[in-house]
Amino acid sequence: MMMLLTILLIVSAVFLVIVILMQQGKGQEMGAVFGGSSQTIFGASGAGNFLTKATAVIAIIFMGSAFFISYISAKEQNPISIKSYIAKTAKPSLPPTASKQAKAVSNSAAK
């Protein structure tokens, strides 16, 4: 499932870049004055509608696949709590009890 979503994400990213680069810029009329062509592949008005809709659909596919990849990867990881992390890593450093201290004192005095 993750491999399919990753492939879908990469393919949609490539198509999104291509569709965005095919769109006309807002200053396209000025570019035509300096030697640019004013004719497009899809005609004068058909390109705007088709490319705008294609951009929206591909962007939704891209965002959806990115969302599901992050959701699945977050669900697969085992969350740990701070208490369990501290319990695993910290060594208990409690002071010895009074009876142990008394035994230690008596043993050192006997030697």
PDB file of N, CA and C in Angstrom:
ATOM      1  N   MET A   1       0.830  -1.198   0.000  1.00  0.00           N
ATOM      2  CA  MET A   1       0.000   0.000   0.000  1.00  0.00           C
ATOM      3  C   MET A   1       0.874   1.262   0.000  1.00  0.00           C
ATOM      4  N   MET A   2       1.924   1.209   0.821  1.00  0.00           N
ATOM      5  CA  MET A   2       2.808   2.366   0.910  1.00  0.00           C
ATOM      6  C   MET A   2       3.548   2.585  -0.415  1.00  0.00           C
ATOM      7  N   MET A   3       3.932   1.508  -1.074  1.00  0.00           N
ATOM      8  CA  MET A   3       4.630   1.622  -2.356  1.00  0.00           C
ATOM      9  C   MET A   3       3.708   2.228  -3.413  1.00  0.00           C
ATOM     10  N   LEU A   4       2.458   1.807  -3.436  1.00  0.00           N
ATOM     11  CA  LEU A   4       1.484   2.349  -4.389  1.00  0.00           C
ATOM     12  C   LEU A   4       1.268   3.844  -4.155  1.00  0.00           C
ATOM     13  N   LEU A   5       1.142   4.236  -2.900  1.00  0.00           N
ATOM     14  CA  LEU A   5       0.953   5.657  -2.596  1.00  0.00           C
ATOM     15  C   LEU A   5       2.191   6.481  -2.937  1.00  0.00           C
ATOM     16  N   THR A   6       3.366   5.906  -2.732  1.00  0.00           N
ATOM     17  CA  THR A   6       4.595   6.616  -3.069  1.00  0.00           C
ATOM     18  C   THR A   6       4.715   6.823  -4.578  1.00  0.00           C
ATOM     19  N   ILE A   7       4.386   5.788  -5.340  1.00  0.00           N
ATOM     20  CA  ILE A   7       4.420   5.911  -6.797  1.00  0.00           C
ATOM     21  C   ILE A   7       3.390   6.936  -7.258  1.00  0.00           C
ATOM     22  N   LEU A   8       2.192   6.900  -6.668  1.00  0.00           N
ATOM     23  CA  LEU A   8       1.153   7.873  -7.013  1.00  0.00           C
ATOM     24  C   LEU A   8       1.596   9.291  -6.682  1.00  0.00           C
ATOM     25  N   LEU A   9       2.290   9.470  -5.576  1.00  0.00           N
ATOM     26  CA  LEU A   9       2.781  10.791  -5.185  1.00  0.00           C
ATOM     27  C   LEU A   9       3.815  11.310  -6.180  1.00  0.00           C
ATOM     28  N   ILE A  10       4.736  10.459  -6.585  1.00  0.00           N
ATOM     29  CA  ILE A  10       5.787  10.883  -7.516  1.00  0.00           C
ATOM     30  C   ILE A  10       5.207  11.197  -8.889  1.00  0.00           C
ATOM     31  N   VAL A  11       4.324  10.336  -9.377  1.00  0.00           N
ATOM     32  CA  VAL A  11       3.722  10.555 -10.695  1.00  0.00           C
ATOM     33  C   VAL A  11       2.872  11.827 -10.691  1.00  0.00           C
ATOM     34  N   SER A  12       2.089  12.017  -9.634  1.00  0.00           N
ATOM     35  CA  SER A  12       1.258  13.220  -9.576  1.00  0.00           C
ATOM     36  C   SER A  12       2.114  14.479  -9.462  1.00  0.00           C
ATOM     37  N   ALA A  13       3.256  14.397  -8.787  1.00  0.00           N
ATOM     38  CA  ALA A  13       4.146  15.560  -8.689  1.00  0.00           C
ATOM     39  C   ALA A  13       4.714  15.921 -10.059  1.00  0.00           C
ATOM     40  N   VAL A  14       5.105  14.919 -10.825  1.00  0.00           N
ATOM     41  CA  VAL A  14       5.648  15.174 -12.162  1.00  0.00           C
ATOM     42  C   VAL A  14       4.578  15.789 -13.061  1.00  0.00           C
ATOM     43  N   PHE A  15       3.374  15.206 -13.044  1.00  0.00           N
ATOM     44  CA  PHE A  15       2.294  15.753 -13.872  1.00  0.00           C
ATOM     45  C   PHE A  15       1.875  17.146 -13.417  1.00  0.00           C
ATOM     46  N   LEU A  16       1.928  17.395 -12.124  1.00  0.00           N
ATOM     47  CA  LEU A  16       1.577  18.724 -11.619  1.00  0.00           C
ATOM     48  C   LEU A  16       2.561  19.774 -12.119  1.00  0.00           C
ATOM     49  N   VAL A  17       3.833  19.442 -12.127  1.00  0.00           N
ATOM     50  CA  VAL A  17       4.835  20.372 -12.652  1.00  0.00           C
ATOM     51  C   VAL A  17       4.606  20.624 -14.138  1.00  0.00           C
ATOM     52  N   ILE A  18       4.332  19.561 -14.889  1.00  0.00           N
ATOM     53  CA  ILE A  18       4.116  19.704 -16.330  1.00  0.00           C
ATOM     54  C   ILE A  18       2.891  20.568 -16.616  1.00  0.00           C
ATOM     55  N   VAL A  19       1.792  20.311 -15.907  1.00  0.00           N
ATOM     56  CA  VAL A  19       0.554  21.066 -16.146  1.00  0.00           C
ATOM     57  C   VAL A  19       0.729  22.528 -15.760  1.00  0.00           C
ATOM     58  N   ILE A  20       1.438  22.788 -14.684  1.00  0.00           N
ATOM     59  CA  ILE A  20       1.656  24.177 -14.271  1.00  0.00           C
ATOM     60  C   ILE A  20       2.527  24.914 -15.285  1.00  0.00           C
ATOM     61  N   LEU A  21       3.541  24.238 -15.807  1.00  0.00           N
ATOM     62  CA  LEU A  21       4.406  24.896 -16.789  1.00  0.00           C
ATOM     63  C   LEU A  21       3.708  25.125 -18.125  1.00  0.00           C
ATOM     64  N   MET A  22       2.667  24.364 -18.435  1.00  0.00           N
ATOM     65  CA  MET A  22       1.941  24.553 -19.687  1.00  0.00           C
ATOM     66  C   MET A  22       0.971  25.726 -19.635  1.00  0.00           C
ATOM     67  N   GLN A  23       0.650  26.222 -18.456  1.00  0.00           N
ATOM     68  CA  GLN A  23      -0.325  27.295 -18.338  1.00  0.00           C
ATOM     69  C   GLN A  23       0.267  28.623 -18.779  1.00  0.00           C
ATOM     70  N   GLN A  24      -0.626  29.498 -19.216  1.00  0.00           N
ATOM     71  CA  GLN A  24      -0.217  30.833 -19.635  1.00  0.00           C
ATOM     72  C   GLN A  24       0.023  31.698 -18.410  1.00  0.00           C
ATOM     73  N   GLY A  25       1.004  32.567 -18.521  1.00  0.00           N
ATOM     74  CA  GLY A  25       1.234  33.518 -17.459  1.00  0.00           C
ATOM     75  C   GLY A  25       0.292  34.705 -17.607  1.00  0.00           C
ATOM     76  N   LYS A  26       0.199  35.505 -16.557  1.00  0.00           N
ATOM     77  CA  LYS A  26      -0.687  36.668 -16.623  1.00  0.00           C
ATOM     78  C   LYS A  26      -0.137  37.739 -17.560  1.00  0.00           C
ATOM     79  N   GLY A  27       1.171  37.791 -17.721  1.00  0.00           N
ATOM     80  CA  GLY A  27       1.759  38.794 -18.597  1.00  0.00           C
ATOM     81  C   GLY A  27       2.067  38.233 -19.971  1.00  0.00           C
ATOM     82  N   GLN A  28       1.284  37.314 -20.463  1.00  0.00           N
ATOM     83  CA  GLN A  28       1.550  36.659 -21.738  1.00  0.00           C
ATOM     84  C   GLN A  28       1.364  37.612 -22.913  1.00  0.00           C
ATOM     85  N   GLU A  29       0.500  38.581 -22.802  1.00  0.00           N
ATOM     86  CA  GLU A  29       0.305  39.524 -23.905  1.00  0.00           C
ATOM     87  C   GLU A  29       1.567  40.337 -24.129  1.00  0.00           C
ATOM     88  N   MET A  30       2.240  40.703 -23.086  1.00  0.00           N
ATOM     89  CA  MET A  30       3.469  41.478 -23.209  1.00  0.00           C
ATOM     90  C   MET A  30       4.575  40.622 -23.825  1.00  0.00           C
ATOM     91  N   GLY A  31       4.581  39.329 -23.533  1.00  0.00           N
ATOM     92  CA  GLY A  31       5.570  38.437 -24.119  1.00  0.00           C
ATOM     93  C   GLY A  31       5.363  38.269 -25.607  1.00  0.00           C
ATOM     94  N   ALA A  32       4.128  38.347 -26.056  1.00  0.00           N
ATOM     95  CA  ALA A  32       3.843  38.215 -27.482  1.00  0.00           C
ATOM     96  C   ALA A  32       4.379  39.407 -28.261  1.00  0.00           C
ATOM     97  N   VAL A  33       4.480  40.568 -27.627  1.00  0.00           N
ATOM     98  CA  VAL A  33       4.987  41.761 -28.293  1.00  0.00           C
ATOM     99  C   VAL A  33       6.466  41.589 -28.644  1.00  0.00           C
ATOM    100  N   PHE A  34       7.215  40.937 -27.791  1.00  0.00           N
ATOM    101  CA  PHE A  34       8.654  40.789 -27.996  1.00  0.00           C
ATOM    102  C   PHE A  34       9.020  39.482 -28.683  1.00  0.00           C
ATOM    103  N   GLY A  35       8.144  38.936 -29.500  1.00  0.00           N
ATOM    104  CA  GLY A  35       8.481  37.776 -30.293  1.00  0.00           C
ATOM    105  C   GLY A  35       7.845  36.480 -29.843  1.00  0.00           C
ATOM    106  N   GLY A  36       7.099  36.478 -28.771  1.00  0.00           N
ATOM    107  CA  GLY A  36       6.434  35.266 -28.325  1.00  0.00           C
ATOM    108  C   GLY A  36       5.205  34.984 -29.162  1.00  0.00           C
ATOM    109  N   SER A  37       4.768  33.756 -29.163  1.00  0.00           N
ATOM    110  CA  SER A  37       3.593  33.385 -29.951  1.00  0.00           C
ATOM    111  C   SER A  37       2.343  33.493 -29.104  1.00  0.00           C
ATOM    112  N   SER A  38       1.267  33.965 -29.712  1.00  0.00           N
ATOM    113  CA  SER A  38       0.019  34.093 -28.970  1.00  0.00           C
ATOM    114  C   SER A  38      -0.892  32.895 -29.156  1.00  0.00           C
ATOM    115  N   GLN A  39      -0.508  31.928 -29.977  1.00  0.00           N
ATOM    116  CA  GLN A  39      -1.333  30.750 -30.187  1.00  0.00           C
ATOM    117  C   GLN A  39      -0.899  29.643 -29.234  1.00  0.00           C
ATOM    118  N   THR A  40      -1.875  28.888 -28.794  1.00  0.00           N
ATOM    119  CA  THR A  40      -1.591  27.795 -27.857  1.00  0.00           C
ATOM    120  C   THR A  40      -2.017  26.478 -28.463  1.00  0.00           C
ATOM    121  N   ILE A  41      -1.705  25.413 -27.808  1.00  0.00           N
ATOM    122  CA  ILE A  41      -2.045  24.072 -28.297  1.00  0.00           C
ATOM    123  C   ILE A  41      -3.552  23.844 -28.253  1.00  0.00           C
ATOM    124  N   PHE A  42      -4.207  24.307 -27.191  1.00  0.00           N
ATOM    125  CA  PHE A  42      -5.620  24.024 -26.980  1.00  0.00           C
ATOM    126  C   PHE A  42      -6.546  25.092 -27.538  1.00  0.00           C
ATOM    127  N   GLY A  43      -6.039  26.099 -28.184  1.00  0.00           N
ATOM    128  CA  GLY A  43      -6.875  27.194 -28.674  1.00  0.00           C
ATOM    129  C   GLY A  43      -6.795  28.372 -27.725  1.00  0.00           C
ATOM    130  N   ALA A  44      -7.542  29.413 -28.054  1.00  0.00           N
ATOM    131  CA  ALA A  44      -7.437  30.649 -27.281  1.00  0.00           C
ATOM    132  C   ALA A  44      -8.035  30.538 -25.889  1.00  0.00           C
ATOM    133  N   SER A  45      -9.232  29.946 -25.754  1.00  0.00           N
ATOM    134  CA  SER A  45      -9.873  29.919 -24.436  1.00  0.00           C
ATOM    135  C   SER A  45      -9.936  28.523 -23.839  1.00  0.00           C
ATOM    136  N   GLY A  46      -9.751  27.487 -24.624  1.00  0.00           N
ATOM    137  CA  GLY A  46      -9.886  26.127 -24.112  1.00  0.00           C
ATOM    138  C   GLY A  46      -8.763  25.709 -23.193  1.00  0.00           C
ATOM    139  N   ALA A  47      -7.597  26.282 -23.354  1.00  0.00           N
ATOM    140  CA  ALA A  47      -6.456  25.876 -22.539  1.00  0.00           C
ATOM    141  C   ALA A  47      -6.638  26.277 -21.090  1.00  0.00           C
ATOM    142  N   GLY A  48      -7.177  27.444 -20.845  1.00  0.00           N
ATOM    143  CA  GLY A  48      -7.342  27.917 -19.475  1.00  0.00           C
ATOM    144  C   GLY A  48      -8.258  27.034 -18.666  1.00  0.00           C
ATOM    145  N   ASN A  49      -9.387  26.670 -19.224  1.00  0.00           N
ATOM    146  CA  ASN A  49     -10.328  25.843 -18.483  1.00  0.00           C
ATOM    147  C   ASN A  49      -9.785  24.439 -18.255  1.00  0.00           C
ATOM    148  N   PHE A  50      -9.233  23.830 -19.302  1.00  0.00           N
ATOM    149  CA  PHE A  50      -8.735  22.468 -19.173  1.00  0.00           C
ATOM    150  C   PHE A  50      -7.559  22.393 -18.213  1.00  0.00           C
ATOM    151  N   LEU A  51      -6.597  23.288 -18.372  1.00  0.00           N
ATOM    152  CA  LEU A  51      -5.410  23.238 -17.522  1.00  0.00           C
ATOM    153  C   LEU A  51      -5.718  23.609 -16.079  1.00  0.00           C
ATOM    154  N   THR A  52      -6.653  24.503 -15.872  1.00  0.00           N
ATOM    155  CA  THR A  52      -7.041  24.870 -14.518  1.00  0.00           C
ATOM    156  C   THR A  52      -7.687  23.691 -13.803  1.00  0.00           C
ATOM    157  N   LYS A  53      -8.589  22.998 -14.503  1.00  0.00           N
ATOM    158  CA  LYS A  53      -9.240  21.829 -13.908  1.00  0.00           C
ATOM    159  C   LYS A  53      -8.247  20.689 -13.696  1.00  0.00           C
ATOM    160  N   ALA A  54      -7.344  20.493 -14.659  1.00  0.00           N
ATOM    161  CA  ALA A  54      -6.336  19.440 -14.515  1.00  0.00           C
ATOM    162  C   ALA A  54      -5.404  19.735 -13.341  1.00  0.00           C
ATOM    163  N   THR A  55      -5.039  20.991 -13.162  1.00  0.00           N
ATOM    164  CA  THR A  55      -4.189  21.370 -12.040  1.00  0.00           C
ATOM    165  C   THR A  55      -4.889  21.090 -10.717  1.00  0.00           C
ATOM    166  N   ALA A  56      -6.162  21.421 -10.622  1.00  0.00           N
ATOM    167  CA  ALA A  56      -6.909  21.192  -9.389  1.00  0.00           C
ATOM    168  C   ALA A  56      -7.016  19.698  -9.074  1.00  0.00           C
ATOM    169  N   VAL A  57      -7.306  18.883 -10.082  1.00  0.00           N
ATOM    170  CA  VAL A  57      -7.460  17.445  -9.858  1.00  0.00           C
ATOM    171  C   VAL A  57      -6.130  16.819  -9.457  1.00  0.00           C
ATOM    172  N   ILE A  58      -5.071  17.161 -10.156  1.00  0.00           N
ATOM    173  CA  ILE A  58      -3.762  16.589  -9.845  1.00  0.00           C
ATOM    174  C   ILE A  58      -3.263  17.074  -8.484  1.00  0.00           C
ATOM    175  N   ALA A  59      -3.558  18.315  -8.128  1.00  0.00           N
ATOM    176  CA  ALA A  59      -3.161  18.825  -6.814  1.00  0.00           C
ATOM    177  C   ALA A  59      -3.898  18.089  -5.702  1.00  0.00           C
ATOM    178  N   ILE A  60      -5.176  17.779  -5.915  1.00  0.00           N
ATOM    179  CA  ILE A  60      -5.944  17.018  -4.911  1.00  0.00           C
ATOM    180  C   ILE A  60      -5.363  15.610  -4.769  1.00  0.00           C
ATOM    181  N   ILE A  61      -5.009  14.979  -5.878  1.00  0.00           N
ATOM    182  CA  ILE A  61      -4.403  13.647  -5.826  1.00  0.00           C
ATOM    183  C   ILE A  61      -3.062  13.706  -5.098  1.00  0.00           C
ATOM    184  N   PHE A  62      -2.259  14.721  -5.393  1.00  0.00           N
ATOM    185  CA  PHE A  62      -0.955  14.881  -4.745  1.00  0.00           C
ATOM    186  C   PHE A  62      -1.104  15.074  -3.235  1.00  0.00           C
ATOM    187  N   MET A  63      -1.979  15.988  -2.837  1.00  0.00           N
ATOM    188  CA  MET A  63      -2.157  16.259  -1.411  1.00  0.00           C
ATOM    189  C   MET A  63      -2.768  15.065  -0.683  1.00  0.00           C
ATOM    190  N   GLY A  64      -3.706  14.385  -1.330  1.00  0.00           N
ATOM    191  CA  GLY A  64      -4.318  13.208  -0.706  1.00  0.00           C
ATOM    192  C   GLY A  64      -3.326  12.083  -0.499  1.00  0.00           C
ATOM    193  N   SER A  65      -2.502  11.816  -1.495  1.00  0.00           N
ATOM    194  CA  SER A  65      -1.514  10.747  -1.346  1.00  0.00           C
ATOM    195  C   SER A  65      -0.458  11.114  -0.303  1.00  0.00           C
ATOM    196  N   ALA A  66      -0.062  12.378  -0.244  1.00  0.00           N
ATOM    197  CA  ALA A  66       0.895  12.811   0.784  1.00  0.00           C
ATOM    198  C   ALA A  66       0.291  12.675   2.180  1.00  0.00           C
ATOM    199  N   PHE A  67      -0.989  13.013   2.311  1.00  0.00           N
ATOM    200  CA  PHE A  67      -1.670  12.876   3.601  1.00  0.00           C
ATOM    201  C   PHE A  67      -1.739  11.419   4.031  1.00  0.00           C
ATOM    202  N   PHE A  68      -2.123  10.531   3.116  1.00  0.00           N
ATOM    203  CA  PHE A  68      -2.247   9.122   3.480  1.00  0.00           C
ATOM    204  C   PHE A  68      -0.896   8.483   3.765  1.00  0.00           C
ATOM    205  N   ILE A  69       0.160   8.898   3.073  1.00  0.00           N
ATOM    206  CA  ILE A  69       1.495   8.376   3.379  1.00  0.00           C
ATOM    207  C   ILE A  69       1.914   8.778   4.792  1.00  0.00           C
ATOM    208  N   SER A  70       1.682  10.025   5.161  1.00  0.00           N
ATOM    209  CA  SER A  70       2.051  10.468   6.503  1.00  0.00           C
ATOM    210  C   SER A  70       1.192   9.799   7.568  1.00  0.00           C
ATOM    211  N   TYR A  71      -0.091   9.577   7.265  1.00  0.00           N
ATOM    212  CA  TYR A  71      -0.982   8.923   8.219  1.00  0.00           C
ATOM    213  C   TYR A  71      -0.572   7.476   8.454  1.00  0.00           C
ATOM    214  N   ILE A  72      -0.267   6.762   7.378  1.00  0.00           N
ATOM    215  CA  ILE A  72       0.108   5.355   7.508  1.00  0.00           C
ATOM    216  C   ILE A  72       1.454   5.220   8.214  1.00  0.00           C
ATOM    217  N   SER A  73       2.425   6.068   7.876  1.00  0.00           N
ATOM    218  CA  SER A  73       3.733   5.961   8.516  1.00  0.00           C
ATOM    219  C   SER A  73       3.673   6.343   9.993  1.00  0.00           C
ATOM    220  N   ALA A  74       2.817   7.283  10.359  1.00  0.00           N
ATOM    221  CA  ALA A  74       2.669   7.644  11.766  1.00  0.00           C
ATOM    222  C   ALA A  74       1.977   6.534  12.542  1.00  0.00           C
ATOM    223  N   LYS A  75       1.071   5.819  11.901  1.00  0.00           N
ATOM    224  CA  LYS A  75       0.350   4.740  12.557  1.00  0.00           C
ATOM    225  C   LYS A  75       1.241   3.515  12.763  1.00  0.00           C
ATOM    226  N   GLU A  76       2.216   3.310  11.874  1.00  0.00           N
ATOM    227  CA  GLU A  76       3.093   2.149  11.977  1.00  0.00           C
ATOM    228  C   GLU A  76       4.123   2.297  13.085  1.00  0.00           C
ATOM    229  N   GLN A  77       4.489   3.493  13.448  1.00  0.00           N
ATOM    230  CA  GLN A  77       5.476   3.690  14.500  1.00  0.00           C
ATOM    231  C   GLN A  77       4.838   3.454  15.860  1.00  0.00           C
ATOM    232  N   ASN A  78       5.606   2.877  16.762  1.00  0.00           N
ATOM    233  CA  ASN A  78       5.114   2.647  18.113  1.00  0.00           C
ATOM    234  C   ASN A  78       5.404   3.870  18.961  1.00  0.00           C
ATOM    235  N   PRO A  79       4.368   4.547  19.407  1.00  0.00           N
ATOM    236  CA  PRO A  79       4.615   5.709  20.242  1.00  0.00           C
ATOM    237  C   PRO A  79       5.100   5.271  21.628  1.00  0.00           C
ATOM    238  N   ILE A  80       6.020   6.029  22.198  1.00  0.00           N
ATOM    239  CA  ILE A  80       6.495   5.725  23.535  1.00  0.00           C
ATOM    240  C   ILE A  80       6.143   6.888  24.442  1.00  0.00           C
ATOM    241  N   SER A  81       5.892   6.554  25.673  1.00  0.00           N
ATOM    242  CA  SER A  81       5.604   7.617  26.620  1.00  0.00           C
ATOM    243  C   SER A  81       6.893   8.017  27.325  1.00  0.00           C
ATOM    244  N   ILE A  82       6.891   9.148  27.920  1.00  0.00           N
ATOM    245  CA  ILE A  82       8.078   9.641  28.612  1.00  0.00           C
ATOM    246  C   ILE A  82       8.386   8.761  29.814  1.00  0.00           C
ATOM    247  N   LYS A  83       7.346   8.300  30.516  1.00  0.00           N
ATOM    248  CA  LYS A  83       7.559   7.455  31.693  1.00  0.00           C
ATOM    249  C   LYS A  83       8.247   6.150  31.322  1.00  0.00           C
ATOM    250  N   SER A  84       7.815   5.512  30.219  1.00  0.00           N
ATOM    251  CA  SER A  84       8.446   4.256  29.837  1.00  0.00           C
ATOM    252  C   SER A  84       9.870   4.492  29.336  1.00  0.00           C
ATOM    253  N   TYR A  85      10.133   5.616  28.687  1.00  0.00           N
ATOM    254  CA  TYR A  85      11.482   5.935  28.223  1.00  0.00           C
ATOM    255  C   TYR A  85      12.418   6.150  29.409  1.00  0.00           C
ATOM    256  N   ILE A  86      11.951   6.870  30.415  1.00  0.00           N
ATOM    257  CA  ILE A  86      12.769   7.117  31.604  1.00  0.00           C
ATOM    258  C   ILE A  86      13.004   5.819  32.356  1.00  0.00           C
ATOM    259  N   ALA A  87      11.980   4.982  32.439  1.00  0.00           N
ATOM    260  CA  ALA A  87      12.130   3.710  33.150  1.00  0.00           C
ATOM    261  C   ALA A  87      13.145   2.802  32.466  1.00  0.00           C
ATOM    262  N   LYS A  88      13.224   2.853  31.138  1.00  0.00           N
ATOM    263  CA  LYS A  88      14.169   2.007  30.412  1.00  0.00           C
ATOM    264  C   LYS A  88      15.595   2.545  30.490  1.00  0.00           C
ATOM    265  N   THR A  89      15.763   3.855  30.485  1.00  0.00           N
ATOM    266  CA  THR A  89      17.100   4.428  30.376  1.00  0.00           C
ATOM    267  C   THR A  89      17.714   4.811  31.715  1.00  0.00           C
ATOM    268  N   ALA A  90      16.917   5.225  32.670  1.00  0.00           N
ATOM    269  CA  ALA A  90      17.460   5.709  33.939  1.00  0.00           C
ATOM    270  C   ALA A  90      17.688   4.541  34.892  1.00  0.00           C
ATOM    271  N   LYS A  91      18.831   4.558  35.554  1.00  0.00           N
ATOM    272  CA  LYS A  91      19.122   3.559  36.580  1.00  0.00           C
ATOM    273  C   LYS A  91      18.662   4.130  37.909  1.00  0.00           C
ATOM    274  N   PRO A  92      18.015   3.317  38.707  1.00  0.00           N
ATOM    275  CA  PRO A  92      17.573   3.845  40.007  1.00  0.00           C
ATOM    276  C   PRO A  92      18.790   4.131  40.898  1.00  0.00           C
ATOM    277  N   SER A  93      18.850   5.310  41.404  1.00  0.00           N
ATOM    278  CA  SER A  93      19.964   5.705  42.275  1.00  0.00           C
ATOM    279  C   SER A  93      19.424   6.086  43.644  1.00  0.00           C
ATOM    280  N   LEU A  94      18.738   5.154  44.263  1.00  0.00           N
ATOM    281  CA  LEU A  94      18.169   5.399  45.583  1.00  0.00           C
ATOM    282  C   LEU A  94      19.248   5.189  46.645  1.00  0.00           C
ATOM    283  N   PRO A  95      19.226   5.969  47.686  1.00  0.00           N
ATOM    284  CA  PRO A  95      20.212   5.775  48.751  1.00  0.00           C
ATOM    285  C   PRO A  95      19.931   4.461  49.491  1.00  0.00           C
ATOM    286  N   PRO A  96      20.970   3.838  50.013  1.00  0.00           N
ATOM    287  CA  PRO A  96      20.740   2.594  50.749  1.00  0.00           C
ATOM    288  C   PRO A  96      19.905   2.850  51.997  1.00  0.00           C
ATOM    289  N   THR A  97      19.250   1.838  52.435  1.00  0.00           N
ATOM    290  CA  THR A  97      18.396   1.989  53.628  1.00  0.00           C
ATOM    291  C   THR A  97      19.252   2.108  54.871  1.00  0.00           C
ATOM    292  N   ALA A  98      18.622   2.430  55.946  1.00  0.00           N
ATOM    293  CA  ALA A  98      19.341   2.645  57.212  1.00  0.00           C
ATOM    294  C   ALA A  98      19.991   1.362  57.700  1.00  0.00           C
ATOM    295  N   SER A  99      19.365   0.226  57.465  1.00  0.00           N
ATOM    296  CA  SER A  99      19.959  -1.031  57.933  1.00  0.00           C
ATOM    297  C   SER A  99      21.215  -1.370  57.143  1.00  0.00           C
ATOM    298  N   LYS A 100      21.205  -1.076  55.848  1.00  0.00           N
ATOM    299  CA  LYS A 100      22.397  -1.323  55.044  1.00  0.00           C
ATOM    300  C   LYS A 100      23.525  -0.394  55.465  1.00  0.00           C
ATOM    301  N   GLN A 101      23.169   0.838  55.805  1.00  0.00           N
ATOM    302  CA  GLN A 101      24.191   1.786  56.245  1.00  0.00           C
ATOM    303  C   GLN A 101      24.798   1.336  57.574  1.00  0.00           C
ATOM    304  N   ALA A 102      23.962   0.828  58.435  1.00  0.00           N
ATOM    305  CA  ALA A 102      24.470   0.363  59.748  1.00  0.00           C
ATOM    306  C   ALA A 102      25.393  -0.823  59.559  1.00  0.00           C
ATOM    307  N   LYS A 103      25.057  -1.740  58.692  1.00  0.00           N
ATOM    308  CA  LYS A 103      25.900  -2.900  58.438  1.00  0.00           C
ATOM    309  C   LYS A 103      27.241  -2.464  57.822  1.00  0.00           C
ATOM    310  N   ALA A 104      27.192  -1.495  56.939  1.00  0.00           N
ATOM    311  CA  ALA A 104      28.416  -1.009  56.312  1.00  0.00           C
ATOM    312  C   ALA A 104      29.327  -0.371  57.337  1.00  0.00           C
ATOM    313  N   VAL A 105      28.762   0.377  58.294  1.00  0.00           N
ATOM    314  CA  VAL A 105      29.548   1.030  59.337  1.00  0.00           C
ATOM    315  C   VAL A 105      30.168  -0.017  60.252  1.00  0.00           C
ATOM    316  N   SER A 106      29.393  -1.031  60.638  1.00  0.00           N
ATOM    317  CA  SER A 106      29.909  -2.054  61.539  1.00  0.00           C
ATOM    318  C   SER A 106      30.994  -2.902  60.870  1.00  0.00           C
ATOM    319  N   ASN A 107      30.827  -3.181  59.566  1.00  0.00           N
ATOM    320  CA  ASN A 107      31.837  -3.954  58.845  1.00  0.00           C
ATOM    321  C   ASN A 107      33.130  -3.167  58.720  1.00  0.00           C
ATOM    322  N   SER A 108      33.055  -1.872  58.473  1.00  0.00           N
ATOM    323  CA  SER A 108      34.261  -1.070  58.346  1.00  0.00           C
ATOM    324  C   SER A 108      34.941  -0.896  59.686  1.00  0.00           C
ATOM    325  N   ALA A 109      34.185  -0.865  60.772  1.00  0.00           N
ATOM    326  CA  ALA A 109      34.765  -0.708  62.113  1.00  0.00           C
ATOM    327  C   ALA A 109      35.445  -2.000  62.547  1.00  0.00           C
ATOM    328  N   ALA A 110      34.917  -3.145  62.098  1.00  0.00           N
ATOM    329  CA  ALA A 110      35.480  -4.429  62.492  1.00  0.00           C
ATOM    330  C   ALA A 110      36.800  -4.678  61.786  1.00  0.00           C
ATOM    331  N   LYS A 111      37.014  -4.126  60.670  1.00  0.00           N
ATOM    332  CA  LYS A 111      38.257  -4.357  59.921  1.00  0.00           C
ATOM    333  C   LYS A 111      39.302  -3.496  60.447  1.00  0.00           C
TER     334      LYS A 111
END
